[in-house]
Protein backbone atom coordinates (compact mmCIF):
# COMPACT_ATOMS: atom_id res chain seq x y z
CA MET A 1 -17.21 35.31 -210.44
CA ASP A 2 -20.84 34.93 -211.46
CA LYS A 3 -22.40 38.24 -212.79
CA VAL A 4 -25.56 39.55 -211.29
CA PRO A 5 -28.25 39.52 -213.87
CA PRO A 6 -29.24 42.98 -215.16
CA THR A 7 -32.68 42.54 -213.72
CA GLU A 8 -31.32 41.97 -210.20
CA ALA A 9 -28.51 44.71 -210.44
CA ALA A 10 -30.93 47.59 -211.06
CA PRO A 11 -32.86 47.38 -207.83
CA LEU A 12 -29.59 47.00 -205.89
CA LEU A 13 -28.17 50.10 -207.38
CA ALA A 14 -31.29 52.03 -206.62
CA ARG A 15 -31.19 50.87 -203.04
CA LYS A 16 -27.61 52.10 -202.61
CA GLU A 17 -28.49 55.58 -204.13
CA TRP A 18 -31.42 55.78 -201.82
CA LEU A 19 -29.28 55.02 -198.69
CA LEU A 20 -26.68 57.52 -199.80
CA ALA A 21 -29.46 60.19 -200.28
CA ILE A 22 -30.71 59.58 -196.68
CA ALA A 23 -27.28 59.81 -195.24
CA GLY A 24 -26.54 63.08 -197.12
CA LEU A 25 -29.88 64.46 -195.95
CA ALA A 26 -29.04 63.52 -192.34
CA LEU A 27 -25.73 65.13 -192.60
CA LEU A 28 -27.29 68.26 -193.91
CA VAL A 29 -29.91 68.27 -191.09
CA ALA A 30 -27.05 67.89 -188.56
CA ILE A 31 -24.98 70.86 -190.06
CA THR A 32 -28.16 72.93 -190.10
CA LEU A 33 -28.97 72.27 -186.42
CA VAL A 34 -25.37 73.02 -185.37
CA GLY A 35 -25.37 76.40 -187.30
CA VAL A 36 -28.76 77.33 -185.92
CA THR A 37 -27.59 76.52 -182.40
CA TYR A 38 -24.48 78.68 -182.95
CA LEU A 39 -26.48 81.66 -184.28
CA VAL A 40 -29.01 81.43 -181.47
CA ARG A 41 -26.29 81.34 -178.83
CA SER A 42 -24.49 84.18 -180.62
CA ALA A 43 -27.69 86.32 -180.68
CA LYS A 44 -28.17 85.77 -176.99
CA ALA A 45 -24.61 86.51 -175.96
CA PRO A 46 -25.03 90.24 -175.43
CA ALA A 47 -28.16 89.69 -173.17
CA GLU A 48 -26.22 87.15 -171.18
CA VAL A 49 -23.43 89.50 -170.31
CA ALA A 50 -23.76 89.96 -166.50
CA GLU A 51 -23.88 93.53 -165.15
CA PRO A 52 -21.14 94.29 -162.51
CA ALA A 53 -22.49 93.97 -159.08
CA VAL A 54 -23.12 97.03 -156.91
CA PRO A 55 -20.90 96.98 -153.84
CA GLU A 56 -23.01 96.48 -150.59
CA GLY A 57 -23.10 99.16 -148.02
CA LEU A 58 -22.35 102.01 -150.30
CA ILE A 59 -23.05 105.52 -148.72
CA ALA A 60 -24.74 108.30 -150.85
CA THR A 61 -26.54 105.99 -153.32
CA PRO A 62 -30.06 106.77 -154.18
CA GLU A 63 -31.12 103.69 -151.99
CA ASP A 64 -28.98 104.96 -149.12
CA ILE A 65 -30.61 108.36 -149.02
CA GLU A 66 -34.20 106.94 -149.47
CA ALA A 67 -33.57 104.72 -146.43
CA ARG A 68 -32.33 107.67 -144.35
CA GLY A 69 -35.40 109.70 -145.02
CA GLU A 70 -35.42 113.04 -143.15
CA LYS A 71 -32.17 112.13 -141.54
CA ALA A 72 -30.55 112.76 -144.95
CA ILE A 73 -31.32 116.41 -144.65
CA THR A 74 -28.39 118.45 -143.54
CA VAL A 75 -29.19 122.02 -142.43
CA LEU A 76 -26.29 124.28 -141.62
CA ALA A 77 -25.68 128.03 -141.96
CA PRO A 78 -23.29 128.66 -144.96
CA ASP A 79 -20.34 129.73 -142.76
CA ASP A 80 -20.65 126.56 -140.55
CA ALA A 81 -20.94 124.44 -143.65
CA ARG A 82 -17.73 126.00 -145.02
CA ALA A 83 -15.93 125.48 -141.87
CA ARG A 84 -16.95 121.86 -141.82
CA ASN A 85 -15.96 121.41 -145.44
CA GLU A 86 -12.57 122.97 -144.80
CA ALA A 87 -11.99 120.50 -142.01
CA VAL A 88 -12.27 117.62 -144.45
CA ALA A 89 -8.85 117.06 -145.99
CA PHE A 90 -8.44 116.39 -149.73
CA ALA A 91 -7.49 112.78 -150.65
CA ALA A 92 -3.63 112.48 -150.97
CA GLY A 93 -2.21 112.91 -154.46
CA ARG A 94 -3.89 113.77 -157.72
CA PRO A 95 -7.26 112.11 -158.46
CA ASP A 96 -6.98 108.91 -160.40
CA PRO A 97 -7.87 109.77 -164.06
CA ALA A 98 -11.02 108.40 -165.54
CA PRO A 99 -10.64 106.05 -168.46
CA ALA A 100 -11.56 107.43 -171.92
CA PHE A 101 -15.15 106.79 -172.62
CA ALA A 102 -15.52 104.17 -175.36
CA PHE A 103 -18.79 104.74 -177.24
CA ARG A 104 -20.41 101.49 -178.56
CA GLY A 105 -23.82 102.01 -180.12
CA SER A 106 -25.68 102.83 -183.14
CA ASP A 107 -25.90 106.28 -184.98
CA THR A 108 -29.16 106.81 -183.09
CA ASP A 109 -27.66 105.93 -179.87
CA ARG A 110 -24.91 108.53 -180.56
CA MET A 111 -27.46 111.21 -181.39
CA ARG A 112 -29.37 110.60 -178.32
CA ALA A 113 -26.49 110.49 -176.03
CA LEU A 114 -25.04 113.75 -177.50
CA ASP A 115 -28.45 115.46 -177.13
CA CYS A 116 -28.80 114.33 -173.36
CA LEU A 117 -25.16 115.17 -172.59
CA ALA A 118 -25.25 118.56 -174.19
CA THR A 119 -28.48 119.48 -172.45
CA ALA A 120 -27.03 118.47 -169.07
CA VAL A 121 -23.79 120.40 -169.43
CA LEU A 122 -25.51 123.57 -170.68
CA TYR A 123 -28.41 123.54 -168.17
CA GLU A 124 -26.14 122.60 -165.24
CA ALA A 125 -23.05 124.65 -165.95
CA GLY A 126 -24.40 127.43 -168.07
CA ASP A 127 -22.46 128.78 -171.13
CA ASP A 128 -19.02 127.89 -169.43
CA THR A 129 -16.97 125.21 -171.18
CA THR A 130 -14.79 124.54 -168.03
CA GLY A 131 -17.78 123.95 -165.84
CA GLN A 132 -19.51 121.87 -168.80
CA ALA A 133 -16.32 119.53 -169.06
CA ALA A 134 -16.61 118.79 -165.30
CA VAL A 135 -20.33 117.98 -165.58
CA ALA A 136 -19.80 115.74 -168.59
CA GLN A 137 -17.04 113.86 -166.78
CA VAL A 138 -19.15 113.11 -163.83
CA VAL A 139 -22.15 111.99 -165.99
CA LEU A 140 -19.98 109.57 -167.85
CA ASN A 141 -18.31 108.32 -164.70
CA ARG A 142 -21.76 107.45 -163.44
CA VAL A 143 -22.63 105.63 -166.76
CA ARG A 144 -19.82 103.28 -166.25
CA HIS A 145 -20.33 102.61 -162.37
CA PRO A 146 -22.86 99.80 -161.51
CA ALA A 147 -24.64 102.08 -158.81
CA PHE A 148 -26.19 104.13 -161.59
CA PRO A 149 -28.05 103.70 -164.97
CA GLY A 150 -25.95 102.42 -167.77
CA THR A 151 -26.83 105.04 -170.28
CA VAL A 152 -26.14 108.67 -170.81
CA CYS A 153 -29.67 109.58 -171.00
CA GLY A 154 -30.51 107.25 -168.16
CA VAL A 155 -28.07 109.08 -165.79
CA VAL A 156 -29.06 112.56 -166.86
CA TYR A 157 -32.85 111.94 -166.57
CA GLN A 158 -32.75 109.63 -163.46
CA GLY A 159 -35.79 110.27 -161.35
CA SER A 160 -37.14 113.00 -163.74
CA GLN A 161 -40.58 111.32 -164.15
CA ARG A 162 -41.33 111.57 -160.45
CA ARG A 163 -42.32 114.84 -158.62
CA THR A 164 -39.20 114.35 -156.29
CA GLY A 165 -36.06 112.41 -156.71
CA CYS A 166 -34.54 113.82 -159.94
CA GLN A 167 -30.77 113.56 -160.06
CA PHE A 168 -30.29 116.84 -162.02
CA THR A 169 -32.91 119.22 -161.00
CA PHE A 170 -33.02 121.03 -164.38
CA THR A 171 -34.86 117.92 -165.61
CA CYS A 172 -37.86 118.32 -163.37
CA ASP A 173 -38.14 122.02 -162.32
CA GLY A 174 -39.28 123.41 -165.63
CA SER A 175 -35.82 124.83 -166.65
CA LEU A 176 -36.05 122.92 -169.94
CA SER A 177 -38.68 125.31 -171.04
CA ARG A 178 -36.05 128.22 -171.02
CA ARG A 179 -34.69 128.89 -174.45
CA MET A 180 -30.96 128.88 -174.80
CA PRO A 181 -28.99 130.85 -177.47
CA ASP A 182 -28.06 128.77 -180.46
CA ALA A 183 -24.36 129.80 -179.99
CA ALA A 184 -24.42 128.40 -176.54
CA TRP A 185 -25.97 125.19 -177.75
CA GLY A 186 -23.17 124.80 -180.20
CA ARG A 187 -20.51 125.13 -177.51
CA ALA A 188 -22.34 122.62 -175.27
CA ARG A 189 -22.49 120.12 -178.14
CA ASN A 190 -18.78 120.50 -178.85
CA VAL A 191 -18.10 119.68 -175.23
CA ALA A 192 -20.44 116.73 -175.20
CA SER A 193 -19.09 115.44 -178.46
CA ARG A 194 -15.50 115.64 -177.09
CA ALA A 195 -16.50 113.74 -173.96
CA LEU A 196 -18.22 110.99 -175.89
CA GLY A 197 -15.16 110.75 -178.23
CA GLY A 198 -12.86 110.05 -175.36
CA PHE A 199 -11.74 113.41 -173.99
CA VAL A 200 -10.95 113.14 -170.17
CA ASP A 201 -11.25 115.97 -167.81
CA PRO A 202 -8.34 115.33 -165.42
CA THR A 203 -9.45 117.78 -162.79
CA VAL A 204 -12.27 115.76 -161.24
CA GLY A 205 -10.98 112.22 -161.95
CA LEU A 206 -13.44 109.53 -160.97
CA ALA A 207 -15.78 111.76 -159.07
CA THR A 208 -19.36 110.75 -158.84
CA HIS A 209 -20.62 113.27 -156.34
CA TYR A 210 -20.22 117.05 -155.83
CA HIS A 211 -21.64 119.94 -153.95
CA THR A 212 -21.02 123.67 -153.22
CA ASP A 213 -18.97 124.55 -150.39
CA TRP A 214 -21.78 126.28 -148.44
CA VAL A 215 -23.64 123.00 -147.89
CA TYR A 216 -22.44 119.94 -145.92
CA PRO A 217 -24.23 116.79 -146.73
CA TYR A 218 -24.12 113.79 -144.29
CA TRP A 219 -21.88 111.82 -146.60
CA SER A 220 -19.26 114.58 -147.18
CA PRO A 221 -16.73 113.30 -144.55
CA SER A 222 -17.30 109.72 -145.64
CA LEU A 223 -16.31 110.09 -149.35
CA ASN A 224 -12.89 111.00 -150.78
CA LYS A 225 -12.73 114.77 -151.39
CA LEU A 226 -10.96 114.79 -154.79
CA ALA A 227 -10.83 118.28 -156.24
CA LYS A 228 -12.26 121.82 -155.84
CA VAL A 229 -13.39 123.82 -158.93
CA GLY A 230 -14.48 127.39 -158.07
CA THR A 231 -16.70 126.99 -155.10
CA HIS A 232 -17.65 123.36 -155.86
CA LEU A 233 -16.18 120.14 -154.21
CA PHE A 234 -15.87 116.92 -156.08
CA PHE A 235 -16.09 113.51 -154.30
CA GLY A 236 -15.65 109.83 -155.12
CA TRP A 237 -16.25 106.65 -153.10
CA PRO A 238 -13.40 105.47 -150.76
CA GLY A 239 -11.91 102.06 -151.32
CA SER A 240 -12.57 99.79 -154.15
CA ALA A 241 -15.86 101.32 -155.02
CA GLY A 242 -14.05 104.47 -156.12
CA LYS A 243 -11.16 102.89 -157.97
CA SER A 244 -10.85 102.49 -161.75
CA ALA A 245 -11.84 98.76 -161.53
CA ALA A 246 -15.18 99.60 -160.05
CA PHE A 247 -16.09 101.57 -163.18
CA SER A 248 -16.38 98.31 -165.06
CA ARG A 249 -19.62 98.58 -166.97
CA THR A 250 -19.24 98.42 -170.70
CA TYR A 251 -21.30 100.96 -172.47
CA ARG A 252 -23.55 99.30 -174.99
CA GLY A 253 -25.85 102.09 -176.27
CA ASN A 254 -29.62 101.41 -175.99
CA GLU A 255 -30.05 105.15 -175.28
CA SER A 256 -33.76 106.24 -174.77
CA LEU A 257 -34.94 109.89 -174.88
CA PRO A 258 -37.23 110.63 -171.95
CA ALA A 259 -40.34 112.79 -172.08
CA ARG A 260 -39.70 116.47 -171.34
CA GLY A 261 -41.58 119.57 -170.38
CA SER A 262 -42.26 118.68 -166.72
CA VAL A 263 -42.62 121.69 -164.40
CA ALA A 264 -42.02 122.21 -160.69
CA VAL A 265 -45.37 123.53 -159.87
CA SER A 266 -48.51 121.60 -160.76
CA ALA A 267 -52.19 121.69 -159.45
CA GLU A 268 -51.31 119.36 -156.67
CA ASP A 269 -49.01 122.00 -155.21
CA LEU A 270 -51.64 124.50 -154.69
CA ASP A 271 -54.56 124.37 -152.22
CA GLU A 272 -58.16 125.32 -153.06
CA THR A 273 -57.28 129.03 -152.53
CA GLY A 274 -54.30 128.96 -154.95
CA THR A 275 -51.80 129.29 -152.05
CA PHE A 276 -48.87 127.01 -152.08
CA ASP A 277 -48.81 124.35 -149.27
CA THR A 278 -45.36 125.06 -147.39
CA VAL A 279 -45.65 122.08 -145.14
CA ASP A 280 -44.91 119.25 -147.56
CA PRO A 281 -40.99 119.22 -148.25
CA ASP A 282 -39.54 117.46 -151.21
CA ALA A 283 -38.15 114.04 -150.72
CA PRO A 284 -34.33 113.69 -150.32
CA LYS A 285 -32.37 113.58 -153.54
CA ILE A 286 -28.92 112.03 -154.15
CA LEU A 287 -27.64 115.34 -155.88
CA GLY A 288 -29.95 118.12 -154.88
CA LEU A 289 -29.61 119.22 -151.18
CA PRO A 290 -33.07 118.54 -149.69
CA GLN A 291 -34.52 121.77 -148.56
CA PRO A 292 -36.03 121.57 -144.95
CA LYS A 293 -39.72 122.34 -144.36
CA ALA A 294 -40.29 126.00 -144.95
CA GLU A 295 -42.98 127.53 -142.76
CA LEU A 296 -44.20 131.01 -142.45
CA PRO A 297 -43.70 132.79 -139.21
CA GLU A 298 -46.42 131.93 -136.55
CA GLY A 299 -49.56 134.08 -137.10
CA ARG A 300 -49.02 134.74 -140.76
CA GLY A 301 -51.58 132.20 -141.80
CA SER A 302 -51.85 131.52 -145.57
CA VAL A 303 -49.92 133.96 -147.76
CA PRO A 304 -50.49 133.75 -151.60
CA LEU A 305 -47.32 133.04 -153.33
CA TYR A 306 -48.78 132.81 -156.84
CA GLY A 307 -47.19 129.61 -157.82
CA ASN A 308 -43.88 130.23 -156.19
CA ARG A 309 -42.54 127.93 -153.55
CA LEU A 310 -41.40 129.10 -150.08
CA ARG A 311 -38.02 127.46 -149.47
CA LEU A 312 -36.27 129.72 -146.88
CA VAL A 313 -37.35 131.85 -143.85
CA GLY A 314 -34.75 134.04 -142.14
CA SER A 315 -34.23 133.97 -138.45
CA ASP A 316 -35.51 137.59 -138.41
CA GLU A 317 -38.83 136.28 -139.88
CA ARG A 318 -38.57 139.17 -142.33
CA SER A 319 -36.42 137.45 -144.92
CA PHE A 320 -37.77 134.84 -147.38
CA GLY A 321 -36.36 132.66 -150.14
CA LEU A 322 -38.61 131.53 -152.97
CA LEU A 323 -38.38 128.94 -155.80
CA ALA A 324 -39.44 130.57 -158.94
CA PRO A 325 -40.26 127.82 -161.42
CA SER A 326 -40.40 128.40 -165.26
CA GLY A 327 -44.01 129.38 -165.09
CA ALA A 328 -43.55 132.22 -162.67
CA THR A 329 -43.74 135.66 -164.25
CA ALA A 330 -42.14 138.91 -163.01
CA ALA A 331 -45.58 140.18 -161.92
CA LYS A 332 -46.14 136.92 -159.80
CA LEU A 333 -42.75 137.35 -158.16
CA VAL A 334 -43.52 141.00 -157.22
CA ASN A 335 -47.06 140.06 -155.97
CA ALA A 336 -45.51 137.33 -153.80
CA ALA A 337 -42.92 139.71 -152.42
CA LEU A 338 -45.59 142.32 -151.64
CA ALA A 339 -47.77 139.55 -149.88
CA LEU A 340 -44.66 138.31 -147.76
CA CYS A 341 -43.74 141.92 -147.00
CA ASP A 342 -47.26 143.19 -146.20
CA LYS A 343 -46.26 144.52 -142.66
CA PRO A 344 -44.38 147.73 -142.10
CA GLY A 345 -40.58 147.48 -141.50
CA PRO A 346 -37.60 146.04 -143.25
CA CYS A 347 -38.22 142.96 -145.47
CA ARG A 348 -36.56 141.13 -148.21
CA VAL A 349 -37.45 138.40 -150.64
CA ASN A 350 -35.09 136.53 -152.93
CA ALA A 351 -35.91 133.95 -155.58
CA TRP A 352 -33.99 131.27 -157.56
CA ALA A 353 -35.04 129.23 -160.63
CA ASN A 354 -33.33 126.15 -159.20
CA GLU A 355 -33.92 124.68 -155.86
CA ASP A 356 -30.28 123.61 -155.46
CA ASP A 357 -29.11 127.22 -155.80
CA ILE A 358 -31.11 128.14 -152.70
CA PRO A 359 -28.73 128.45 -149.75
CA GLY A 360 -29.57 126.84 -146.33
CA ALA A 361 -29.88 130.14 -144.46
CA PHE A 362 -29.43 133.83 -144.64
CA PRO A 363 -27.06 135.71 -145.17
CA ILE A 364 -26.73 134.72 -148.90
CA PRO A 365 -23.37 133.55 -149.89
CA SER A 366 -21.79 135.04 -153.02
CA GLY A 367 -22.18 131.87 -155.10
CA ALA A 368 -26.04 131.61 -154.36
CA ARG A 369 -26.30 135.42 -154.92
CA ALA A 370 -24.80 134.98 -158.47
CA THR A 371 -27.74 132.64 -159.43
CA MET A 372 -30.73 134.62 -158.11
CA VAL A 373 -33.48 135.61 -160.53
CA PHE A 374 -35.34 138.17 -158.28
CA GLU A 375 -34.76 140.31 -155.28
CA TYR A 376 -37.09 142.54 -153.47
CA GLU A 377 -35.56 144.59 -150.56
CA ARG A 378 -37.18 147.25 -148.30
CA GLY A 379 -35.18 149.07 -145.71
CA GLY A 380 -37.96 150.71 -143.82
CA ASN A 381 -41.66 151.61 -144.38
CA ALA A 382 -41.02 153.10 -147.80
CA GLY A 383 -41.88 151.09 -150.87
CA GLY A 384 -39.34 148.38 -151.80
CA SER A 385 -37.27 148.04 -154.88
CA PRO A 386 -37.56 144.81 -157.04
CA ARG A 387 -34.64 143.75 -159.31
CA PHE A 388 -34.67 140.88 -161.89
CA ASP A 389 -32.44 138.56 -163.83
CA CYS A 390 -32.94 140.53 -166.84
CA GLU A 391 -31.93 137.49 -169.14
CA ARG A 392 -35.15 135.71 -167.86
CA PHE A 393 -37.21 138.78 -167.22
CA PRO A 394 -36.26 141.44 -169.76
CA ASN A 395 -36.58 144.98 -168.47
CA LYS A 396 -36.02 148.39 -170.29
CA ASP A 397 -34.75 149.92 -167.02
CA PRO A 398 -31.19 148.74 -166.32
CA ALA A 399 -31.69 149.81 -162.69
CA ARG A 400 -34.18 146.97 -162.35
CA CYS A 401 -31.57 144.40 -163.35
CA LEU A 402 -29.52 142.31 -160.95
CA PRO A 403 -25.79 142.61 -161.32
CA ALA A 404 -24.08 140.38 -163.92
CA ARG A 405 -23.02 136.95 -162.58
CA LEU A 406 -19.56 136.48 -160.95
CA ASP A 407 -16.54 135.65 -162.99
CA PRO A 408 -16.10 131.91 -163.81
CA SER A 409 -12.90 131.99 -161.76
CA GLU A 410 -15.02 132.63 -158.68
CA ILE A 411 -17.97 130.35 -159.48
CA LEU A 412 -18.89 128.26 -162.46
CA SER A 413 -21.35 130.53 -164.27
CA GLY A 414 -24.69 129.16 -163.76
CA ALA A 415 -23.37 125.84 -162.32
CA ARG A 416 -25.59 123.81 -159.96
CA PHE A 417 -23.21 121.21 -158.56
CA LYS A 418 -25.41 119.15 -156.19
CA ASP A 419 -25.13 116.82 -153.34
């Protein structure tokens, strides 16, 4: 075979090397594109995970209550409400247990979730670990149900940025300004930490709703009554919406702490004379029982309430229930009572720090009496005797203090289980 002259072989060899280099570069580009495509798809995967759908026609969702407007308001005397509640049978068998909560998130997410959940159980159930465990379970049940926000803080503070509609009233009525003892905070954080770590409270199962036995919300006979703890009834949705499979949302973190410090009474709540406008009722809430429009007896005109809200007027037109927000001082409560009881004869004024503790009518049931922060009672024409919750309003005279709250076996101390 004839040999290629050296002068001709060199260009041929260079051409082959050039072609090989191009092929290698093309292969490298292809591999890079495949890798980039995979990384992009992997990065988008979490965002592409579809949220579970909310079943249509669910009763007692925020949207359902908003749609009903004033028809969502249930006004019954406590004894009538108890009778109706007793007529509703408990669901057969023990409640289905909730799955253990699986925390998936960053260290920051855990810190925020722990803070929100501990705050909820402490301000909702007081310094009572039994009640706190029930509150924590309901919060985490809601986190995993598509009808509610998908984060712990989102559930706890749902609606808190509006003047009405907060799901847990302590987030929007100024309760957060009250200082809690460090020891109580420690116990609440332990309860919250256990719940986030997978502890399941078997008492309430998959409950997503609850209320005291002296109120009767419109949805009460339509939901499954699962359990009773003290004076509080726990409910879950009937059918597939209340089964384990419905609690299908996977928790993914992304916790966000909301702004705090909102109070119940603002400048918008007072007219130009500094008198509270008693005509405008709060909008319905999914958890807090909407209080009906509270109006002074005919002929009373405007009575200065000094920042307190009129929420209850007895049939005798001589009994009044007030909402005393965090800014209400002992002096303001006394002044409001004297203004309401300005005419001779028997008169009484009671006040609560949380709207959901206020009963629907007089007489006051024991559970609501246990959460009062103020009472003024006058039996005749003589001067009345004011008494206070001395934890909130310290007083050197023990006779001026309301009795200690009931034993937790009778009522969860300080608990506000809402509709």
